[in-house]
């Protein structure tokens, strides 16, 4: 079980910024016995409130307020779109994106997914390609709005779905698809290089209660970092 203190990347008298592990819900899970970030935060600081959310299988930066004043302060920054959040995603495809703005409305459906629909809420994301690894790419994503699954469906809409994001067209990635002369050990089944949506909340910038700008970055978790390393090692060696 994760220890909350080990997740902390930044803390002052008003805010805690953590690097959330994947497969832990931000808020209460349907299974009340399972751990979640809000419960862990309140055990650490009794008045803790989560200022925004990450999907259960998304890792990375998450801001928690330690008191009501801090929560209101951060809520206003989100409402005024003054918070800068940067996500990194490994996607299928090798598009060279430079400040590519995607503005497509998002409609939330009852089954926990979303679709692009004119009846939905306005949504805007800016994308920049950081690295290209053959037929895969590492993309920096800057969501201007904060809709459910926004980054995931916007990337899918421009033909570069996130690796392993089955809901929005992303497929699993295997070492055998990257490495020349790959041989699987006898009587073993090859597993994907990453077993969740390849999306990580990399950094956040906001103002503290004194007006000072704070930027915090979250290092890659082991699975995301390992995926990047395999792409770096193998993608350039294989003809596509």
Protein backbone atom coordinates (compact mmCIF):
# COMPACT_ATOMS: atom_id res chain seq x y z
CA UNK A 1 0.00 0.00 0.00
CA UNK A 2 1.26 3.46 -0.91
CA UNK A 3 2.33 5.81 1.89
CA UNK A 4 0.92 9.29 1.34
CA UNK A 5 4.05 11.03 2.62
CA UNK A 6 6.11 9.26 -0.06
CA UNK A 7 3.92 10.76 -2.79
CA UNK A 8 4.53 14.41 -1.81
CA UNK A 9 6.48 16.53 -4.31
CA UNK A 10 5.75 19.93 -2.72
CA UNK A 11 4.18 21.15 0.51
CA UNK A 12 3.69 24.47 2.28
CA UNK A 13 1.23 25.68 4.92
CA UNK A 14 -1.66 25.70 2.42
CA UNK A 15 -1.06 23.13 -0.31
CA UNK A 16 0.24 19.62 -0.87
CA UNK A 17 1.22 18.56 -4.40
CA UNK A 18 1.62 14.83 -4.94
CA UNK A 19 2.66 12.45 -7.70
CA UNK A 20 -0.44 10.24 -7.82
CA UNK A 21 0.19 6.58 -8.63
CA UNK A 22 -1.95 4.97 -11.32
CA UNK A 23 -4.75 2.60 -10.25
CA UNK A 24 -5.68 4.73 -7.23
CA UNK A 25 -8.88 6.80 -7.45
CA UNK A 26 -8.74 10.50 -6.64
CA UNK A 27 -12.04 10.42 -4.75
CA UNK A 28 -14.15 7.68 -3.18
CA UNK A 29 -14.17 4.45 -5.15
CA UNK A 30 -17.30 2.35 -5.66
CA UNK A 31 -15.63 -0.14 -3.34
CA UNK A 32 -15.51 1.73 -0.03
CA UNK A 33 -12.76 -0.57 1.27
CA UNK A 34 -10.29 0.55 -1.40
CA UNK A 35 -7.79 3.30 -0.78
CA UNK A 36 -8.20 6.67 -2.51
CA UNK A 37 -6.24 9.91 -2.52
CA UNK A 38 -8.82 11.99 -0.63
CA UNK A 39 -8.97 9.46 2.21
CA UNK A 40 -5.15 9.29 2.39
CA UNK A 41 -4.88 13.09 2.35
CA UNK A 42 -7.38 13.53 5.20
CA UNK A 43 -5.43 11.06 7.31
CA UNK A 44 -2.36 13.23 6.71
CA UNK A 45 -4.09 16.64 7.06
CA UNK A 46 -7.62 16.61 8.53
CA UNK A 47 -9.08 19.48 6.44
CA UNK A 48 -7.58 18.31 3.14
CA UNK A 49 -9.61 18.80 -0.04
CA UNK A 50 -8.63 17.65 -3.52
CA UNK A 51 -8.55 20.64 -5.91
CA UNK A 52 -9.01 18.69 -9.17
CA UNK A 53 -9.15 15.10 -10.38
CA UNK A 54 -7.12 12.57 -12.32
CA UNK A 55 -8.59 9.42 -13.84
CA UNK A 56 -7.89 6.32 -11.80
CA UNK A 57 -5.33 4.96 -14.25
CA UNK A 58 -3.67 8.31 -14.93
CA UNK A 59 -0.54 9.03 -12.89
CA UNK A 60 1.01 12.35 -11.97
CA UNK A 61 0.55 15.78 -10.46
CA UNK A 62 -2.41 16.41 -8.16
CA UNK A 63 -2.96 19.45 -5.91
CA UNK A 64 -4.57 19.18 -2.48
CA UNK A 65 -5.62 22.14 -0.32
CA UNK A 66 -4.93 21.94 3.42
CA UNK A 67 -7.59 24.48 4.44
CA UNK A 68 -10.81 26.03 3.07
CA UNK A 69 -9.14 29.32 2.10
CA UNK A 70 -6.53 27.50 0.01
CA UNK A 71 -9.26 25.41 -1.64
CA UNK A 72 -11.24 28.53 -2.61
CA UNK A 73 -8.07 30.20 -3.88
CA UNK A 74 -7.23 27.25 -6.13
CA UNK A 75 -10.84 26.83 -7.29
CA UNK A 76 -10.86 30.44 -8.52
CA UNK A 77 -7.64 29.86 -10.46
CA UNK A 78 -9.15 26.81 -12.15
CA UNK A 79 -12.37 28.70 -12.90
CA UNK A 80 -10.40 31.57 -14.45
CA UNK A 81 -8.19 29.11 -16.39
CA UNK A 82 -5.05 30.44 -14.74
CA UNK A 83 -3.64 27.01 -13.79
CA UNK A 84 -1.21 25.49 -16.31
CA UNK A 85 -1.30 21.68 -16.40
CA UNK A 86 0.96 19.74 -18.75
CA UNK A 87 0.41 16.03 -19.46
CA UNK A 88 2.67 13.64 -21.35
CA UNK A 89 1.12 10.92 -23.50
CA UNK A 90 2.61 8.14 -25.61
CA UNK A 91 0.51 7.88 -28.75
CA UNK A 92 0.24 5.82 -31.91
CA UNK A 93 1.43 7.71 -34.96
CA UNK A 94 4.23 10.15 -35.73
CA UNK A 95 2.53 13.48 -36.32
CA UNK A 96 4.72 16.53 -35.79
CA UNK A 97 2.47 18.77 -33.73
CA UNK A 98 3.53 22.33 -32.92
CA UNK A 99 1.06 24.27 -30.78
CA UNK A 100 -1.71 22.27 -32.44
CA UNK A 101 -5.02 23.52 -31.05
CA UNK A 102 -7.91 21.06 -30.96
CA UNK A 103 -11.28 22.67 -30.19
CA UNK A 104 -14.01 20.05 -30.24
CA UNK A 105 -17.04 19.91 -27.90
CA UNK A 106 -17.27 16.95 -25.55
CA UNK A 107 -20.46 15.24 -24.45
CA UNK A 108 -20.33 12.94 -21.39
CA UNK A 109 -22.29 9.71 -21.75
CA UNK A 110 -23.88 7.66 -18.99
CA UNK A 111 -21.42 4.77 -19.33
CA UNK A 112 -18.42 6.78 -18.15
CA UNK A 113 -17.02 7.66 -21.56
CA UNK A 114 -17.37 10.74 -23.75
CA UNK A 115 -17.82 11.57 -27.43
CA UNK A 116 -17.26 14.54 -29.70
CA UNK A 117 -20.68 16.10 -30.12
CA UNK A 118 -21.98 19.56 -30.95
CA UNK A 119 -24.36 19.27 -28.00
CA UNK A 120 -21.44 18.87 -25.61
CA UNK A 121 -19.41 21.40 -23.64
CA UNK A 122 -16.68 23.46 -25.26
CA UNK A 123 -13.23 21.89 -24.90
CA UNK A 124 -9.79 22.98 -26.07
CA UNK A 125 -6.36 21.34 -25.87
CA UNK A 126 -2.95 22.35 -27.26
CA UNK A 127 -0.55 19.60 -28.36
CA UNK A 128 3.20 19.59 -29.02
CA UNK A 129 5.28 16.63 -30.19
CA UNK A 130 8.28 16.11 -27.92
CA UNK A 131 9.81 12.99 -29.50
CA UNK A 132 9.04 10.62 -32.36
CA UNK A 133 9.93 6.93 -32.02
CA UNK A 134 9.18 5.35 -35.37
CA UNK A 135 5.43 4.82 -35.40
CA UNK A 136 4.93 6.16 -31.86
CA UNK A 137 5.31 9.63 -30.36
CA UNK A 138 5.60 11.38 -27.01
CA UNK A 139 3.19 14.31 -26.89
CA UNK A 140 2.95 17.23 -24.43
CA UNK A 141 -0.71 18.09 -23.82
CA UNK A 142 -1.98 21.42 -22.42
CA UNK A 143 -5.71 21.27 -21.64
CA UNK A 144 -7.20 24.75 -21.62
CA UNK A 145 -10.54 23.43 -20.38
CA UNK A 146 -10.98 20.52 -17.99
CA UNK A 147 -13.54 18.13 -19.45
CA UNK A 148 -13.76 14.43 -18.67
CA UNK A 149 -11.33 12.36 -20.83
CA UNK A 150 -10.55 15.53 -22.80
CA UNK A 151 -6.96 14.77 -23.73
CA UNK A 152 -7.76 11.17 -24.58
CA UNK A 153 -10.59 11.88 -26.99
CA UNK A 154 -8.95 14.96 -28.54
CA UNK A 155 -5.83 12.93 -29.39
CA UNK A 156 -7.98 10.16 -30.82
CA UNK A 157 -9.91 12.70 -32.90
CA UNK A 158 -6.74 13.78 -34.72
CA UNK A 159 -5.65 10.21 -35.45
CA UNK A 160 -3.11 9.65 -32.67
CA UNK A 161 -4.87 7.71 -29.87
CA UNK A 162 -3.01 7.11 -26.63
CA UNK A 163 -1.30 3.73 -26.35
CA UNK A 164 -3.48 1.17 -24.50
CA UNK A 165 -6.50 3.50 -24.46
CA UNK A 166 -8.99 0.94 -25.76
CA UNK A 167 -12.00 3.21 -25.08
CA UNK A 168 -10.78 5.74 -27.64
CA UNK A 169 -9.05 3.52 -30.19
CA UNK A 170 -5.61 3.03 -28.64
CA UNK A 171 -4.00 -0.41 -28.90
CA UNK A 172 -1.55 -2.20 -26.62
CA UNK A 173 2.14 -1.98 -27.45
CA UNK A 174 4.39 -5.04 -27.30
CA UNK A 175 8.17 -5.38 -27.34
CA UNK A 176 7.85 -7.78 -30.27
CA UNK A 177 6.52 -4.90 -32.38
CA UNK A 178 9.63 -2.83 -31.64
CA UNK A 179 12.54 -5.23 -31.25
CA UNK A 180 14.19 -7.00 -34.15
CA UNK A 181 14.48 -10.78 -33.86
CA UNK A 182 12.34 -10.78 -30.73
CA UNK A 183 11.92 -14.27 -29.30
CA UNK A 184 9.38 -15.14 -26.66
CA UNK A 185 10.37 -17.72 -24.10
CA UNK A 186 8.67 -21.06 -24.53
CA UNK A 187 5.30 -21.49 -22.82
CA UNK A 188 5.07 -17.80 -21.92
CA UNK A 189 2.59 -15.14 -23.03
CA UNK A 190 3.87 -11.75 -24.11
CA UNK A 191 2.49 -8.90 -21.99
CA UNK A 192 2.06 -5.28 -23.11
CA UNK A 193 4.85 -2.82 -22.28
CA UNK A 194 2.33 -0.76 -20.34
CA UNK A 195 -0.94 -2.12 -18.95
CA UNK A 196 -2.91 1.12 -18.58
CA UNK A 197 -3.57 4.28 -20.59
CA UNK A 198 -0.14 5.81 -21.30
CA UNK A 199 -0.95 9.25 -19.83
CA UNK A 200 0.95 11.08 -17.09
CA UNK A 201 0.22 14.50 -15.53
CA UNK A 202 3.74 15.89 -15.82
CA UNK A 203 3.58 19.36 -14.23
CA UNK A 204 1.40 22.11 -12.82
CA UNK A 205 1.84 25.85 -12.33
CA UNK A 206 -0.34 27.91 -9.97
CA UNK A 207 -0.17 30.83 -7.54
CA UNK A 208 0.00 30.34 -3.79
CA UNK A 209 -1.98 32.51 -1.36
CA UNK A 210 0.76 35.16 -1.40
CA UNK A 211 0.62 35.41 -5.18
CA UNK A 212 3.90 33.57 -5.73
CA UNK A 213 4.02 31.31 -8.79
CA UNK A 214 4.63 27.65 -7.97
CA UNK A 215 5.62 25.01 -10.54
CA UNK A 216 5.88 21.35 -9.57
CA UNK A 217 6.90 18.45 -11.82
CA UNK A 218 6.16 14.75 -11.32
CA UNK A 219 8.72 12.21 -12.49
CA UNK A 220 7.52 9.32 -14.62
CA UNK A 221 6.35 6.21 -12.75
CA UNK A 222 8.22 2.99 -13.48
CA UNK A 223 5.86 1.68 -16.15
CA UNK A 224 5.74 4.93 -18.13
CA UNK A 225 9.50 5.43 -17.86
CA UNK A 226 10.15 1.85 -18.94
CA UNK A 227 7.93 2.31 -21.99
CA UNK A 228 9.84 5.44 -23.02
CA UNK A 229 13.18 3.63 -22.59
CA UNK A 230 12.08 0.74 -24.78
CA UNK A 231 10.93 3.17 -27.45
CA UNK A 232 14.25 5.03 -27.28
CA UNK A 233 16.27 1.81 -27.50
CA UNK A 234 14.29 -0.07 -30.13
CA UNK A 235 12.25 2.27 -32.29
CA UNK A 236 15.25 3.68 -34.16
CA UNK A 237 16.54 0.17 -34.90
CA UNK A 238 13.42 -1.15 -36.63
CA UNK A 239 12.40 -0.14 -40.17
CA UNK A 240 8.83 1.17 -40.32
